[in-house]
Each structure stands twice: as structure tokens, then as C-alpha cells.
Amino acid sequence: MNPTLHVVLVEPEIPPNTGNVARLCLAVGARLHLVGPLGFSLDEKALHRAGMDYWKECDVRLWDSFETLRAEAGEGSRFWFFTTKAKRGLWEGEFQKGDWLVFGRESKGLPESLLHANAESCLRIPMRSEARSLNLATSVGIGVFEALRQGAY
């Protein structure tokens, strides 16, 4: 099966967030990619509780590094990097089926080096200045459904 989208979590730390993202990916036909090191074990109850009984049905791939994932994705793959540090807003992204939506860990986001090297593909979810950031699972949901709204399915 060709996934509608690829959702990438780079070094996720909180099992319930990853479980919720896995459940979302299953619901929309997206493939979930987890880039290590993970801040938890894939056997943790909290991960499976958030993913409910869907976890075994989820299309999940594990990667040792983002560089390995990107090389495997192949030339021409389109990556979008979600960060509070981007100048471009989410609405400026032009999503297509098969795009890769990349999100960082809960405590620090994506590495600065990755953001700098991909500045033209970085997007920010609009929010008030009083808020530092959104929950990871919420951010993934916003990004995925904007991509789907634009026809990436």
C-alpha cells in the first residue's frame, strides 16, 4: 500500500503522544516513521493505551537516524519540517500525496542543523505569542489534516 502521507517523529519522548499519532496515521492511511533514539520502549503500556487496540494495525517504520530515512526515501521525496522557528506559515505549504511531514521531540523540537539545512521547507503552525508550542500529537493532527485538505490523499 502506498501511504497518503509519511509522518516522521524525530526522537519522540512521550509514549502517549506517539500512540495518538499512530492512531491518527492509521485513520488517514499515513505511514508513521520513528527516528531514534526513542525516549521510551515500544513495549510501554502508555504507548499502546494511547494507540488503543489499533497499534498492531499501524504502519510503523523505525529508523536509527534521519539521514538513513531520508536516503531511503529517495531523490525527489518532499519533506516539510514543522517548527515554531519557521518564518513561513503552515498555509504557505503546498502539500501533495506522498509528502513527508517531520516533527521534533516534545522538549526541544527538531535539531537546529536540520532546520537550517532545510529552511525553505520549514513551516510554522500559527498560534498566539503567549503559547510556546503545541502538543506534538495536536501539531501532527493540524499538519496532516491541512495536507489532506489540500488533496494529499
N, C-alpha and C. Protein backbone atom coordinates (compact mmCIF):
# COMPACT_ATOMS: atom_id res chain seq x y z
N MET A 1 0.83 -1.19 0.00
CA MET A 1 0.00 0.00 0.00
C MET A 1 0.88 1.25 0.00
N ASN A 2 0.56 2.20 -0.85
CA ASN A 2 1.24 3.49 -0.85
C ASN A 2 0.53 4.40 0.13
N PRO A 3 1.26 4.90 1.12
CA PRO A 3 0.62 5.77 2.11
C PRO A 3 0.24 7.13 1.51
N THR A 4 -0.81 7.72 2.07
CA THR A 4 -1.21 9.06 1.65
C THR A 4 -0.12 10.07 2.00
N LEU A 5 0.42 9.91 3.18
CA LEU A 5 1.47 10.80 3.69
C LEU A 5 2.42 9.97 4.54
N HIS A 6 3.58 10.56 4.81
CA HIS A 6 4.53 9.98 5.75
C HIS A 6 4.63 10.96 6.92
N VAL A 7 4.44 10.48 8.12
CA VAL A 7 4.61 11.30 9.32
C VAL A 7 5.88 10.81 10.00
N VAL A 8 6.79 11.75 10.26
CA VAL A 8 8.08 11.42 10.86
C VAL A 8 8.17 12.08 12.23
N LEU A 9 8.42 11.28 13.26
CA LEU A 9 8.68 11.81 14.59
C LEU A 9 10.16 11.57 14.89
N VAL A 10 10.91 12.65 15.06
CA VAL A 10 12.34 12.56 15.32
C VAL A 10 12.54 12.58 16.84
N GLU A 11 13.02 11.47 17.36
CA GLU A 11 13.33 11.30 18.78
C GLU A 11 12.16 11.64 19.70
N PRO A 12 10.99 11.07 19.46
CA PRO A 12 9.86 11.35 20.36
C PRO A 12 10.16 10.87 21.78
N GLU A 13 9.60 11.58 22.76
CA GLU A 13 9.92 11.32 24.17
C GLU A 13 8.75 10.80 24.99
N ILE A 14 7.52 11.10 24.58
CA ILE A 14 6.35 10.81 25.42
C ILE A 14 5.48 9.76 24.75
N PRO A 15 5.39 8.57 25.35
CA PRO A 15 4.65 7.47 24.72
C PRO A 15 3.21 7.79 24.31
N PRO A 16 2.41 8.46 25.15
CA PRO A 16 1.03 8.72 24.72
C PRO A 16 0.95 9.59 23.46
N ASN A 17 1.87 10.52 23.29
CA ASN A 17 1.87 11.33 22.06
C ASN A 17 2.09 10.44 20.84
N THR A 18 3.07 9.57 20.92
CA THR A 18 3.36 8.68 19.80
C THR A 18 2.20 7.73 19.54
N GLY A 19 1.58 7.23 20.59
CA GLY A 19 0.40 6.37 20.42
C GLY A 19 -0.74 7.09 19.73
N ASN A 20 -0.97 8.33 20.12
CA ASN A 20 -2.03 9.12 19.48
C ASN A 20 -1.71 9.41 18.03
N VAL A 21 -0.45 9.69 17.72
CA VAL A 21 -0.05 9.94 16.34
C VAL A 21 -0.21 8.66 15.51
N ALA A 22 0.14 7.53 16.08
CA ALA A 22 -0.02 6.25 15.37
C ALA A 22 -1.49 6.01 15.03
N ARG A 23 -2.35 6.29 15.97
CA ARG A 23 -3.80 6.12 15.75
C ARG A 23 -4.28 7.04 14.63
N LEU A 24 -3.81 8.29 14.63
CA LEU A 24 -4.16 9.24 13.57
C LEU A 24 -3.66 8.73 12.22
N CYS A 25 -2.42 8.26 12.17
CA CYS A 25 -1.86 7.76 10.91
C CYS A 25 -2.69 6.60 10.37
N LEU A 26 -3.10 5.70 11.23
CA LEU A 26 -3.94 4.59 10.79
C LEU A 26 -5.25 5.11 10.21
N ALA A 27 -5.84 6.10 10.86
CA ALA A 27 -7.14 6.63 10.44
C ALA A 27 -7.10 7.28 9.06
N VAL A 28 -5.95 7.85 8.68
CA VAL A 28 -5.87 8.57 7.41
C VAL A 28 -5.02 7.85 6.36
N GLY A 29 -4.49 6.70 6.70
CA GLY A 29 -3.70 5.95 5.73
C GLY A 29 -2.28 6.45 5.58
N ALA A 30 -1.75 7.07 6.63
CA ALA A 30 -0.37 7.56 6.61
C ALA A 30 0.57 6.53 7.23
N ARG A 31 1.81 6.56 6.84
CA ARG A 31 2.83 5.71 7.44
C ARG A 31 3.56 6.53 8.50
N LEU A 32 3.77 5.93 9.67
CA LEU A 32 4.48 6.60 10.76
C LEU A 32 5.92 6.11 10.79
N HIS A 33 6.85 7.07 10.79
CA HIS A 33 8.28 6.77 10.87
C HIS A 33 8.79 7.31 12.20
N LEU A 34 9.43 6.46 12.99
CA LEU A 34 10.00 6.86 14.27
C LEU A 34 11.52 6.84 14.14
N VAL A 35 12.14 8.00 14.35
CA VAL A 35 13.58 8.13 14.25
C VAL A 35 14.15 8.15 15.66
N GLY A 36 15.06 7.23 15.95
CA GLY A 36 15.64 7.11 17.28
C GLY A 36 16.78 8.07 17.51
N PRO A 37 17.21 8.12 18.77
CA PRO A 37 16.73 7.26 19.84
C PRO A 37 15.37 7.70 20.37
N LEU A 38 14.55 6.71 20.69
CA LEU A 38 13.24 7.00 21.27
C LEU A 38 13.39 7.20 22.77
N GLY A 39 12.53 8.03 23.33
CA GLY A 39 12.57 8.28 24.77
C GLY A 39 11.76 7.27 25.56
N PHE A 40 11.43 6.14 24.97
CA PHE A 40 10.61 5.12 25.61
C PHE A 40 10.78 3.81 24.87
N SER A 41 10.25 2.77 25.44
CA SER A 41 10.26 1.46 24.79
C SER A 41 8.96 1.28 24.01
N LEU A 42 9.03 0.61 22.89
CA LEU A 42 7.82 0.36 22.11
C LEU A 42 6.88 -0.62 22.82
N ASP A 43 7.34 -1.20 23.91
CA ASP A 43 6.51 -2.12 24.69
C ASP A 43 5.73 -1.40 25.79
N GLU A 44 5.94 -0.12 25.98
CA GLU A 44 5.32 0.60 27.10
C GLU A 44 3.80 0.61 27.00
N LYS A 45 3.16 0.40 28.15
CA LYS A 45 1.70 0.39 28.22
C LYS A 45 1.10 1.71 27.76
N ALA A 46 1.73 2.81 28.13
CA ALA A 46 1.18 4.13 27.78
C ALA A 46 1.12 4.33 26.27
N LEU A 47 2.09 3.80 25.56
CA LEU A 47 2.10 3.89 24.09
C LEU A 47 0.91 3.12 23.52
N HIS A 48 0.73 1.92 23.98
CA HIS A 48 -0.35 1.08 23.46
C HIS A 48 -1.72 1.56 23.93
N ARG A 49 -1.79 2.13 25.12
CA ARG A 49 -3.06 2.66 25.61
C ARG A 49 -3.53 3.82 24.73
N ALA A 50 -2.60 4.72 24.37
CA ALA A 50 -2.96 5.85 23.52
C ALA A 50 -3.31 5.39 22.11
N GLY A 51 -2.60 4.38 21.62
CA GLY A 51 -2.89 3.84 20.29
C GLY A 51 -4.06 2.89 20.31
N MET A 52 -4.55 2.60 21.50
CA MET A 52 -5.65 1.67 21.73
C MET A 52 -5.34 0.33 21.08
N ASP A 53 -6.33 -0.36 20.64
CA ASP A 53 -6.10 -1.67 20.04
C ASP A 53 -5.69 -1.54 18.57
N TYR A 54 -5.45 -0.31 18.11
CA TYR A 54 -5.05 -0.07 16.74
C TYR A 54 -3.55 -0.29 16.50
N TRP A 55 -2.76 -0.30 17.56
CA TRP A 55 -1.31 -0.29 17.41
C TRP A 55 -0.82 -1.39 16.46
N LYS A 56 -1.37 -2.58 16.60
CA LYS A 56 -0.90 -3.70 15.76
C LYS A 56 -1.26 -3.50 14.29
N GLU A 57 -2.21 -2.63 14.00
CA GLU A 57 -2.63 -2.36 12.61
C GLU A 57 -1.85 -1.21 11.98
N CYS A 58 -1.12 -0.45 12.79
CA CYS A 58 -0.43 0.74 12.30
C CYS A 58 0.77 0.37 11.44
N ASP A 59 0.99 1.19 10.42
CA ASP A 59 2.14 1.04 9.53
C ASP A 59 3.27 1.90 10.11
N VAL A 60 4.13 1.27 10.90
CA VAL A 60 5.19 1.99 11.61
C VAL A 60 6.55 1.47 11.17
N ARG A 61 7.45 2.39 10.86
CA ARG A 61 8.82 2.04 10.50
C ARG A 61 9.77 2.71 11.50
N LEU A 62 10.82 2.00 11.87
CA LEU A 62 11.82 2.51 12.81
C LEU A 62 13.11 2.82 12.06
N TRP A 63 13.76 3.92 12.47
CA TRP A 63 14.99 4.37 11.82
C TRP A 63 16.02 4.74 12.89
N ASP A 64 17.28 4.44 12.61
CA ASP A 64 18.36 4.81 13.52
C ASP A 64 18.71 6.28 13.42
N SER A 65 18.52 6.86 12.23
CA SER A 65 18.87 8.27 12.05
C SER A 65 17.99 8.88 10.97
N PHE A 66 17.86 10.20 11.01
CA PHE A 66 17.09 10.89 9.98
C PHE A 66 17.80 10.78 8.63
N GLU A 67 19.11 10.80 8.63
CA GLU A 67 19.87 10.71 7.39
C GLU A 67 19.58 9.39 6.67
N THR A 68 19.49 8.31 7.42
CA THR A 68 19.18 7.00 6.84
C THR A 68 17.77 7.00 6.24
N LEU A 69 16.83 7.56 6.97
CA LEU A 69 15.45 7.64 6.49
C LEU A 69 15.40 8.44 5.19
N ARG A 70 16.04 9.59 5.18
CA ARG A 70 16.00 10.46 4.01
C ARG A 70 16.63 9.79 2.79
N ALA A 71 17.71 9.10 3.00
CA ALA A 71 18.36 8.39 1.90
C ALA A 71 17.43 7.30 1.36
N GLU A 72 16.77 6.60 2.23
CA GLU A 72 15.85 5.54 1.82
C GLU A 72 14.61 6.10 1.12
N ALA A 73 14.18 7.30 1.51
CA ALA A 73 13.00 7.93 0.89
C ALA A 73 13.25 8.18 -0.59
N GLY A 74 14.48 8.49 -0.92
CA GLY A 74 14.84 8.65 -2.32
C GLY A 74 14.79 10.07 -2.83
N GLU A 75 15.47 10.25 -3.93
CA GLU A 75 15.52 11.55 -4.61
C GLU A 75 14.11 11.96 -5.02
N GLY A 76 13.81 13.21 -4.87
CA GLY A 76 12.50 13.72 -5.25
C GLY A 76 11.45 13.67 -4.16
N SER A 77 11.76 13.01 -3.03
CA SER A 77 10.80 13.00 -1.92
C SER A 77 10.71 14.40 -1.33
N ARG A 78 9.50 14.80 -1.00
CA ARG A 78 9.26 16.16 -0.49
C ARG A 78 9.09 16.12 1.03
N PHE A 79 9.95 16.83 1.72
CA PHE A 79 9.92 16.88 3.19
C PHE A 79 9.49 18.27 3.65
N TRP A 80 8.62 18.30 4.66
CA TRP A 80 8.17 19.53 5.32
C TRP A 80 8.55 19.42 6.79
N PHE A 81 9.21 20.43 7.33
CA PHE A 81 9.70 20.42 8.70
C PHE A 81 8.88 21.41 9.54
N PHE A 82 8.22 20.91 10.57
CA PHE A 82 7.35 21.73 11.41
C PHE A 82 8.13 22.23 12.62
N THR A 83 8.12 23.56 12.79
CA THR A 83 8.86 24.18 13.87
C THR A 83 8.26 25.53 14.23
N THR A 84 8.37 25.90 15.48
CA THR A 84 7.92 27.23 15.91
C THR A 84 8.87 28.31 15.42
N LYS A 85 10.04 27.91 14.89
CA LYS A 85 11.07 28.86 14.46
C LYS A 85 10.97 29.25 12.99
N ALA A 86 10.04 28.67 12.26
CA ALA A 86 9.94 28.94 10.82
C ALA A 86 9.35 30.32 10.56
N LYS A 87 9.75 30.90 9.46
CA LYS A 87 9.18 32.17 9.03
C LYS A 87 7.90 31.96 8.23
N ARG A 88 7.83 30.86 7.49
CA ARG A 88 6.65 30.55 6.66
C ARG A 88 5.58 29.86 7.51
N GLY A 89 4.35 30.27 7.29
CA GLY A 89 3.23 29.65 7.99
C GLY A 89 2.76 28.38 7.32
N LEU A 90 2.05 27.58 8.04
CA LEU A 90 1.52 26.31 7.54
C LEU A 90 0.75 26.49 6.24
N TRP A 91 -0.01 27.58 6.12
CA TRP A 91 -0.85 27.79 4.94
C TRP A 91 -0.03 28.03 3.68
N GLU A 92 1.26 28.32 3.83
CA GLU A 92 2.13 28.53 2.67
C GLU A 92 2.69 27.23 2.10
N GLY A 93 2.54 26.15 2.83
CA GLY A 93 2.99 24.85 2.32
C GLY A 93 2.03 24.35 1.25
N GLU A 94 2.57 23.79 0.21
CA GLU A 94 1.75 23.22 -0.87
C GLU A 94 1.97 21.72 -0.86
N PHE A 95 1.07 21.02 -0.18
CA PHE A 95 1.24 19.59 0.08
C PHE A 95 0.73 18.74 -1.08
N GLN A 96 1.37 17.58 -1.22
CA GLN A 96 0.99 16.60 -2.23
C GLN A 96 0.97 15.21 -1.60
N LYS A 97 0.27 14.30 -2.24
CA LYS A 97 0.26 12.92 -1.79
C LYS A 97 1.69 12.40 -1.74
N GLY A 98 2.00 11.68 -0.67
CA GLY A 98 3.33 11.10 -0.50
C GLY A 98 4.32 12.00 0.20
N ASP A 99 3.94 13.22 0.56
CA ASP A 99 4.85 14.12 1.26
C ASP A 99 5.23 13.56 2.63
N TRP A 100 6.34 14.03 3.13
CA TRP A 100 6.88 13.64 4.43
C TRP A 100 6.74 14.83 5.38
N LEU A 101 5.97 14.67 6.45
CA LEU A 101 5.77 15.72 7.45
C LEU A 101 6.62 15.38 8.67
N VAL A 102 7.58 16.23 9.00
CA VAL A 102 8.60 15.91 10.01
C VAL A 102 8.39 16.78 11.25
N PHE A 103 8.36 16.12 12.41
CA PHE A 103 8.14 16.78 13.69
C PHE A 103 9.24 16.37 14.67
N GLY A 104 9.63 17.29 15.54
CA GLY A 104 10.70 17.02 16.50
C GLY A 104 10.19 16.55 17.84
N ARG A 105 11.14 16.32 18.72
CA ARG A 105 10.78 15.82 20.06
C ARG A 105 10.08 16.89 20.87
N GLU A 106 9.35 16.43 21.84
CA GLU A 106 8.48 17.31 22.62
C GLU A 106 9.24 18.41 23.35
N SER A 107 10.42 18.13 23.90
CA SER A 107 11.12 19.11 24.72
C SER A 107 11.94 20.12 23.92
N LYS A 108 12.42 19.75 22.73
CA LYS A 108 13.33 20.65 22.02
C LYS A 108 12.99 20.85 20.55
N GLY A 109 12.05 20.13 20.01
CA GLY A 109 11.75 20.25 18.60
C GLY A 109 12.81 19.58 17.75
N LEU A 110 12.93 20.04 16.52
CA LEU A 110 13.90 19.48 15.58
C LEU A 110 15.28 20.11 15.80
N PRO A 111 16.34 19.37 15.49
CA PRO A 111 17.69 19.93 15.65
C PRO A 111 17.89 21.16 14.76
N GLU A 112 18.58 22.15 15.30
CA GLU A 112 18.86 23.40 14.58
C GLU A 112 19.55 23.12 13.24
N SER A 113 20.46 22.17 13.22
CA SER A 113 21.18 21.87 11.98
C SER A 113 20.23 21.39 10.89
N LEU A 114 19.24 20.61 11.25
CA LEU A 114 18.25 20.12 10.29
C LEU A 114 17.37 21.26 9.78
N LEU A 115 16.97 22.15 10.69
CA LEU A 115 16.15 23.30 10.30
C LEU A 115 16.94 24.23 9.38
N HIS A 116 18.17 24.49 9.73
CA HIS A 116 18.99 25.40 8.93
C HIS A 116 19.20 24.84 7.52
N ALA A 117 19.47 23.54 7.42
CA ALA A 117 19.73 22.92 6.12
C ALA A 117 18.47 22.81 5.26
N ASN A 118 17.30 22.98 5.87
CA ASN A 118 16.03 22.83 5.14
C ASN A 118 15.11 24.02 5.35
N ALA A 119 15.69 25.20 5.49
CA ALA A 119 14.93 26.40 5.84
C ALA A 119 13.76 26.66 4.89
N GLU A 120 13.93 26.37 3.60
CA GLU A 120 12.86 26.65 2.63
C GLU A 120 11.67 25.71 2.79
N SER A 121 11.85 24.62 3.53
CA SER A 121 10.78 23.64 3.73
C SER A 121 10.26 23.63 5.16
N CYS A 122 10.61 24.65 5.94
CA CYS A 122 10.15 24.73 7.33
C CYS A 122 8.84 25.50 7.40
N LEU A 123 7.92 24.97 8.19
CA LEU A 123 6.61 25.60 8.35
C LEU A 123 6.28 25.76 9.83
N ARG A 124 5.53 26.81 10.12
CA ARG A 124 5.11 27.13 11.48
C ARG A 124 3.59 27.07 11.55
N ILE A 125 3.09 26.43 12.59
CA ILE A 125 1.65 26.43 12.83
C ILE A 125 1.31 27.73 13.56
N PRO A 126 0.40 28.53 13.01
CA PRO A 126 0.07 29.81 13.65
C PRO A 126 -0.49 29.63 15.05
N MET A 127 -0.01 30.46 15.98
CA MET A 127 -0.55 30.47 17.33
C MET A 127 -0.19 31.80 17.99
N ARG A 128 -0.86 32.09 19.05
CA ARG A 128 -0.60 33.34 19.78
C ARG A 128 0.77 33.32 20.41
N SER A 129 1.35 34.48 20.58
CA SER A 129 2.71 34.58 21.11
C SER A 129 2.81 34.13 22.57
N GLU A 130 1.70 34.11 23.28
CA GLU A 130 1.72 33.67 24.68
C GLU A 130 1.97 32.17 24.81
N ALA A 131 1.75 31.43 23.75
CA ALA A 131 1.95 29.98 23.77
C ALA A 131 3.33 29.65 23.20
N ARG A 132 4.09 28.87 23.93
CA ARG A 132 5.43 28.49 23.48
C ARG A 132 5.35 27.46 22.35
N SER A 133 4.43 26.51 22.49
CA SER A 133 4.29 25.46 21.48
C SER A 133 2.98 24.71 21.72
N LEU A 134 2.67 23.82 20.79
CA LEU A 134 1.50 22.96 20.92
C LEU A 134 1.96 21.54 21.27
N ASN A 135 1.05 20.73 21.75
CA ASN A 135 1.33 19.33 21.99
C ASN A 135 1.72 18.67 20.67
N LEU A 136 2.65 17.73 20.71
CA LEU A 136 3.13 17.07 19.50
C LEU A 136 2.00 16.41 18.71
N ALA A 137 1.16 15.64 19.38
CA ALA A 137 0.07 14.95 18.68
C ALA A 137 -0.89 15.96 18.05
N THR A 138 -1.15 17.06 18.72
CA THR A 138 -2.01 18.11 18.18
C THR A 138 -1.37 18.71 16.93
N SER A 139 -0.08 19.00 17.00
CA SER A 139 0.63 19.58 15.85
C SER A 139 0.60 18.64 14.65
N VAL A 140 0.81 17.35 14.89
CA VAL A 140 0.76 16.39 13.80
C VAL A 140 -0.64 16.38 13.18
N GLY A 141 -1.67 16.39 14.02
CA GLY A 141 -3.04 16.40 13.50
C GLY A 141 -3.31 17.62 12.63
N ILE A 142 -2.85 18.78 13.06
CA ILE A 142 -3.04 20.00 12.28
C ILE A 142 -2.33 19.89 10.93
N GLY A 143 -1.08 19.45 10.95
CA GLY A 143 -0.31 19.32 9.71
C GLY A 143 -0.90 18.29 8.77
N VAL A 144 -1.28 17.14 9.30
CA VAL A 144 -1.85 16.07 8.47
C VAL A 144 -3.16 16.51 7.84
N PHE A 145 -4.03 17.11 8.61
CA PHE A 145 -5.33 17.47 8.05
C PHE A 145 -5.26 18.67 7.10
N GLU A 146 -4.28 19.54 7.27
CA GLU A 146 -4.09 20.59 6.26
C GLU A 146 -3.60 19.96 4.96
N ALA A 147 -2.68 19.01 5.05
CA ALA A 147 -2.21 18.33 3.84
C ALA A 147 -3.37 17.60 3.16
N LEU A 148 -4.20 16.93 3.91
CA LEU A 148 -5.34 16.22 3.34
C LEU A 148 -6.35 17.21 2.74
N ARG A 149 -6.55 18.33 3.42
CA ARG A 149 -7.47 19.36 2.90
C ARG A 149 -7.02 19.84 1.52
N GLN A 150 -5.71 19.91 1.34
CA GLN A 150 -5.17 20.36 0.07
C GLN A 150 -5.18 19.25 -0.99
N GLY A 151 -5.60 18.07 -0.62
CA GLY A 151 -5.73 17.00 -1.61
C GLY A 151 -4.64 15.95 -1.58
N ALA A 152 -3.88 15.89 -0.50
CA ALA A 152 -2.78 14.91 -0.39
C ALA A 152 -3.30 13.56 0.08
N TYR A 153 -4.27 13.02 -0.63
CA TYR A 153 -4.81 11.70 -0.25
C TYR A 153 -5.06 10.85 -1.46
